[in-house]
N, C-alpha and C. Protein backbone atom coordinates (compact mmCIF):
# COMPACT_ATOMS: atom_id res chain seq x y z
N MET A 1 0.86 -1.17 0.00
CA MET A 1 0.00 0.00 0.00
C MET A 1 0.91 1.23 0.00
N PRO A 2 0.67 2.15 -0.94
CA PRO A 2 1.49 3.35 -0.99
C PRO A 2 1.30 4.20 0.26
N PRO A 3 2.34 4.89 0.70
CA PRO A 3 2.23 5.71 1.90
C PRO A 3 1.17 6.80 1.77
N GLU A 4 1.00 7.34 0.55
CA GLU A 4 -0.01 8.40 0.36
C GLU A 4 -1.41 7.85 0.64
N LEU A 5 -1.63 6.63 0.20
CA LEU A 5 -2.93 6.00 0.40
C LEU A 5 -3.16 5.71 1.89
N ALA A 6 -2.13 5.23 2.56
CA ALA A 6 -2.24 4.94 4.00
C ALA A 6 -2.53 6.23 4.76
N GLU A 7 -1.92 7.32 4.35
CA GLU A 7 -2.18 8.60 5.02
C GLU A 7 -3.61 9.07 4.78
N ALA A 8 -4.16 8.78 3.62
CA ALA A 8 -5.52 9.19 3.31
C ALA A 8 -6.55 8.31 4.03
N ILE A 9 -6.26 7.04 4.19
CA ILE A 9 -7.21 6.11 4.81
C ILE A 9 -7.22 6.27 6.33
N GLY A 10 -6.09 6.62 6.91
CA GLY A 10 -5.98 6.72 8.36
C GLY A 10 -7.07 7.54 9.01
N PRO A 11 -7.28 8.81 8.59
CA PRO A 11 -8.32 9.63 9.22
C PRO A 11 -9.72 9.05 9.06
N VAL A 12 -9.97 8.40 7.93
CA VAL A 12 -11.30 7.80 7.71
C VAL A 12 -11.53 6.68 8.71
N ILE A 13 -10.53 5.84 8.90
CA ILE A 13 -10.66 4.73 9.84
C ILE A 13 -10.83 5.25 11.25
N VAL A 14 -10.10 6.28 11.60
CA VAL A 14 -10.22 6.86 12.94
C VAL A 14 -11.62 7.42 13.16
N MET A 15 -12.16 8.15 12.17
CA MET A 15 -13.51 8.71 12.32
C MET A 15 -14.55 7.62 12.48
N ILE A 16 -14.44 6.58 11.68
CA ILE A 16 -15.40 5.48 11.76
C ILE A 16 -15.30 4.80 13.12
N SER A 17 -14.09 4.59 13.60
CA SER A 17 -13.89 3.94 14.91
C SER A 17 -14.47 4.78 16.03
N ILE A 18 -14.18 6.06 16.00
CA ILE A 18 -14.70 6.96 17.05
C ILE A 18 -16.22 6.96 17.02
N GLY A 19 -16.79 7.06 15.83
CA GLY A 19 -18.25 7.05 15.72
C GLY A 19 -18.85 5.77 16.25
N ALA A 20 -18.21 4.65 15.95
CA ALA A 20 -18.72 3.36 16.42
C ALA A 20 -18.67 3.28 17.94
N PHE A 21 -17.54 3.72 18.53
CA PHE A 21 -17.43 3.68 19.98
C PHE A 21 -18.47 4.59 20.65
N ILE A 22 -18.70 5.74 20.06
CA ILE A 22 -19.70 6.66 20.61
C ILE A 22 -21.08 6.01 20.56
N LEU A 23 -21.42 5.43 19.42
CA LEU A 23 -22.74 4.80 19.29
C LEU A 23 -22.90 3.61 20.22
N ILE A 24 -21.87 2.81 20.37
CA ILE A 24 -21.94 1.67 21.28
C ILE A 24 -22.13 2.16 22.71
N GLY A 25 -21.37 3.16 23.11
CA GLY A 25 -21.50 3.71 24.45
C GLY A 25 -22.88 4.29 24.70
N MET A 26 -23.40 5.01 23.72
CA MET A 26 -24.73 5.60 23.88
C MET A 26 -25.79 4.51 23.95
N LYS A 27 -25.63 3.48 23.14
CA LYS A 27 -26.59 2.37 23.18
C LYS A 27 -26.59 1.72 24.55
N MET A 28 -25.40 1.47 25.10
CA MET A 28 -25.32 0.86 26.43
C MET A 28 -25.95 1.76 27.48
N ARG A 29 -25.70 3.06 27.38
CA ARG A 29 -26.26 4.00 28.33
C ARG A 29 -27.78 3.98 28.28
N TYR A 30 -28.34 4.02 27.07
CA TYR A 30 -29.79 4.05 26.95
C TYR A 30 -30.43 2.71 27.31
N GLN A 31 -29.74 1.62 27.11
CA GLN A 31 -30.26 0.34 27.56
C GLN A 31 -30.33 0.31 29.08
N HIS A 32 -29.30 0.84 29.73
CA HIS A 32 -29.29 0.92 31.19
C HIS A 32 -30.42 1.83 31.67
N LYS A 33 -30.58 2.97 31.01
CA LYS A 33 -31.65 3.90 31.37
C LYS A 33 -33.02 3.23 31.18
N ALA A 34 -33.16 2.47 30.10
CA ALA A 34 -34.45 1.81 29.84
C ALA A 34 -34.79 0.83 30.96
N LYS A 35 -33.79 0.10 31.45
CA LYS A 35 -34.04 -0.82 32.55
C LYS A 35 -34.45 -0.07 33.81
N GLN A 36 -33.80 1.06 34.07
CA GLN A 36 -34.16 1.86 35.24
C GLN A 36 -35.57 2.42 35.12
N LEU A 37 -35.95 2.79 33.90
CA LEU A 37 -37.24 3.43 33.69
C LEU A 37 -38.40 2.44 33.74
N GLU A 38 -38.12 1.17 33.64
CA GLU A 38 -39.19 0.18 33.68
C GLU A 38 -39.96 0.26 35.00
N HIS A 39 -39.28 0.68 36.05
CA HIS A 39 -39.90 0.73 37.37
C HIS A 39 -40.42 2.13 37.70
N GLN A 40 -40.20 3.07 36.81
CA GLN A 40 -40.65 4.43 37.05
C GLN A 40 -41.78 4.76 36.09
N LYS A 41 -42.01 6.03 35.89
CA LYS A 41 -43.09 6.48 35.02
C LYS A 41 -42.86 6.00 33.59
N PRO A 42 -43.50 4.91 33.21
CA PRO A 42 -43.19 4.31 31.92
C PRO A 42 -43.53 5.17 30.70
N VAL A 43 -44.66 5.82 30.70
CA VAL A 43 -45.09 6.53 29.49
C VAL A 43 -44.19 7.73 29.21
N GLN A 44 -43.97 8.56 30.22
CA GLN A 44 -43.13 9.75 30.03
C GLN A 44 -41.70 9.37 29.72
N ASP A 45 -41.20 8.39 30.43
CA ASP A 45 -39.81 8.00 30.23
C ASP A 45 -39.61 7.34 28.87
N LEU A 46 -40.58 6.58 28.42
CA LEU A 46 -40.46 5.96 27.10
C LEU A 46 -40.51 7.02 26.00
N GLU A 47 -41.28 8.07 26.22
CA GLU A 47 -41.30 9.17 25.25
C GLU A 47 -39.92 9.82 25.17
N ARG A 48 -39.30 10.04 26.31
CA ARG A 48 -37.95 10.61 26.33
C ARG A 48 -36.96 9.66 25.64
N LEU A 49 -37.10 8.39 25.91
CA LEU A 49 -36.21 7.41 25.30
C LEU A 49 -36.40 7.39 23.78
N GLY A 50 -37.66 7.49 23.35
CA GLY A 50 -37.94 7.55 21.91
C GLY A 50 -37.29 8.76 21.27
N GLU A 51 -37.36 9.91 21.96
CA GLU A 51 -36.71 11.12 21.45
C GLU A 51 -35.20 10.92 21.38
N ALA A 52 -34.64 10.26 22.39
CA ALA A 52 -33.20 10.01 22.40
C ALA A 52 -32.80 9.10 21.24
N VAL A 53 -33.62 8.08 20.97
CA VAL A 53 -33.34 7.17 19.87
C VAL A 53 -33.43 7.93 18.54
N ASP A 54 -34.41 8.80 18.42
CA ASP A 54 -34.52 9.61 17.21
C ASP A 54 -33.28 10.48 17.02
N GLY A 55 -32.81 11.06 18.12
CA GLY A 55 -31.59 11.86 18.05
C GLY A 55 -30.39 11.03 17.64
N LEU A 56 -30.31 9.81 18.18
CA LEU A 56 -29.21 8.91 17.79
C LEU A 56 -29.30 8.56 16.31
N TYR A 57 -30.51 8.34 15.84
CA TYR A 57 -30.69 8.02 14.43
C TYR A 57 -30.21 9.17 13.55
N GLU A 58 -30.55 10.38 13.93
CA GLU A 58 -30.12 11.56 13.16
C GLU A 58 -28.61 11.68 13.17
N ARG A 59 -28.00 11.48 14.35
CA ARG A 59 -26.54 11.57 14.43
C ARG A 59 -25.88 10.47 13.61
N THR A 60 -26.44 9.27 13.67
CA THR A 60 -25.89 8.15 12.90
C THR A 60 -26.01 8.44 11.41
N SER A 61 -27.13 8.98 10.99
CA SER A 61 -27.31 9.31 9.58
C SER A 61 -26.30 10.36 9.14
N ALA A 62 -26.06 11.35 9.99
CA ALA A 62 -25.08 12.38 9.66
C ALA A 62 -23.69 11.78 9.55
N LEU A 63 -23.34 10.89 10.48
CA LEU A 63 -22.03 10.23 10.42
C LEU A 63 -21.91 9.37 9.17
N HIS A 64 -22.99 8.70 8.82
CA HIS A 64 -22.98 7.87 7.61
C HIS A 64 -22.73 8.74 6.37
N GLU A 65 -23.39 9.89 6.31
CA GLU A 65 -23.20 10.79 5.17
C GLU A 65 -21.75 11.26 5.10
N GLU A 66 -21.16 11.57 6.26
CA GLU A 66 -19.77 12.00 6.29
C GLU A 66 -18.84 10.89 5.81
N VAL A 67 -19.10 9.66 6.25
CA VAL A 67 -18.26 8.54 5.83
C VAL A 67 -18.39 8.32 4.33
N VAL A 68 -19.59 8.42 3.78
CA VAL A 68 -19.79 8.26 2.34
C VAL A 68 -19.02 9.34 1.58
N GLU A 69 -19.11 10.57 2.07
CA GLU A 69 -18.39 11.67 1.42
C GLU A 69 -16.87 11.44 1.49
N LEU A 70 -16.38 11.00 2.64
CA LEU A 70 -14.96 10.73 2.77
C LEU A 70 -14.53 9.58 1.86
N GLN A 71 -15.38 8.58 1.72
CA GLN A 71 -15.06 7.46 0.83
C GLN A 71 -14.98 7.94 -0.62
N GLU A 72 -15.89 8.83 -1.01
CA GLU A 72 -15.85 9.37 -2.36
C GLU A 72 -14.56 10.16 -2.58
N ARG A 73 -14.18 10.95 -1.59
CA ARG A 73 -12.93 11.71 -1.70
C ARG A 73 -11.73 10.77 -1.80
N LEU A 74 -11.74 9.74 -0.99
CA LEU A 74 -10.64 8.77 -1.01
C LEU A 74 -10.55 8.09 -2.37
N ASP A 75 -11.69 7.68 -2.92
CA ASP A 75 -11.69 7.06 -4.25
C ASP A 75 -11.14 8.02 -5.30
N PHE A 76 -11.53 9.28 -5.21
CA PHE A 76 -11.05 10.29 -6.15
C PHE A 76 -9.53 10.41 -6.07
N HIS A 77 -9.01 10.50 -4.85
CA HIS A 77 -7.57 10.65 -4.68
C HIS A 77 -6.82 9.38 -5.12
N GLU A 78 -7.41 8.23 -4.89
CA GLU A 78 -6.79 7.00 -5.37
C GLU A 78 -6.68 7.01 -6.89
N ARG A 79 -7.75 7.46 -7.57
CA ARG A 79 -7.71 7.55 -9.03
C ARG A 79 -6.64 8.53 -9.48
N LEU A 80 -6.53 9.67 -8.79
CA LEU A 80 -5.51 10.65 -9.14
C LEU A 80 -4.11 10.06 -8.99
N LEU A 81 -3.88 9.35 -7.89
CA LEU A 81 -2.58 8.73 -7.67
C LEU A 81 -2.27 7.69 -8.75
N THR A 82 -3.26 6.90 -9.09
CA THR A 82 -3.08 5.87 -10.11
C THR A 82 -2.77 6.51 -11.46
N GLU A 83 -3.53 7.54 -11.81
CA GLU A 83 -3.30 8.23 -13.08
C GLU A 83 -1.92 8.86 -13.10
N SER A 84 -1.52 9.46 -12.00
CA SER A 84 -0.21 10.09 -11.91
C SER A 84 0.90 9.07 -12.09
N LYS A 85 0.76 7.92 -11.47
CA LYS A 85 1.76 6.86 -11.59
C LYS A 85 1.80 6.33 -13.02
N GLU A 86 0.64 6.17 -13.66
CA GLU A 86 0.59 5.69 -15.02
C GLU A 86 1.24 6.68 -15.97
N GLU A 87 1.01 7.99 -15.77
CA GLU A 87 1.62 9.01 -16.62
C GLU A 87 3.13 9.00 -16.43
N LYS A 88 3.61 8.85 -15.21
CA LYS A 88 5.04 8.81 -14.97
C LYS A 88 5.65 7.57 -15.59
N GLY A 89 4.94 6.48 -15.57
CA GLY A 89 5.42 5.24 -16.17
C GLY A 89 5.51 5.35 -17.68
N GLU A 90 4.58 6.06 -18.30
CA GLU A 90 4.59 6.23 -19.74
C GLU A 90 5.72 7.15 -20.18
N GLU A 91 6.07 8.13 -19.35
CA GLU A 91 7.12 9.09 -19.71
C GLU A 91 8.49 8.43 -19.69
N LEU A 92 8.67 7.42 -18.85
CA LEU A 92 9.97 6.76 -18.77
C LEU A 92 10.16 5.92 -19.96
C-alpha cells in the first residue's frame, strides 16, 4: 500500500472507529436507562427514550453521510494517484 494511500485512509478509519465507539456507548447508556425506567413512570420515560433514539438516528445518519463523502474523496484521490503513476510510467 502506498504511503499516500495509507495517510488518506488513516483519518477515515479513525472517524469510523470513534463514531462506532460513541454509538456503542450511547446504546449501552440508553439500555441501562431503559431498565431503570421500567420501574418508574413508563409513558413519560419511554417518550424521552424515543426522542433520544430519534436523536441517535439523526446523528448516525449524519455520520454515515460524512463517511460516504470521505469514501468518495478517497476514491477520487486514489484515481488521481493511479493516473499520476501511469503518466510517470509512460514518460519513462
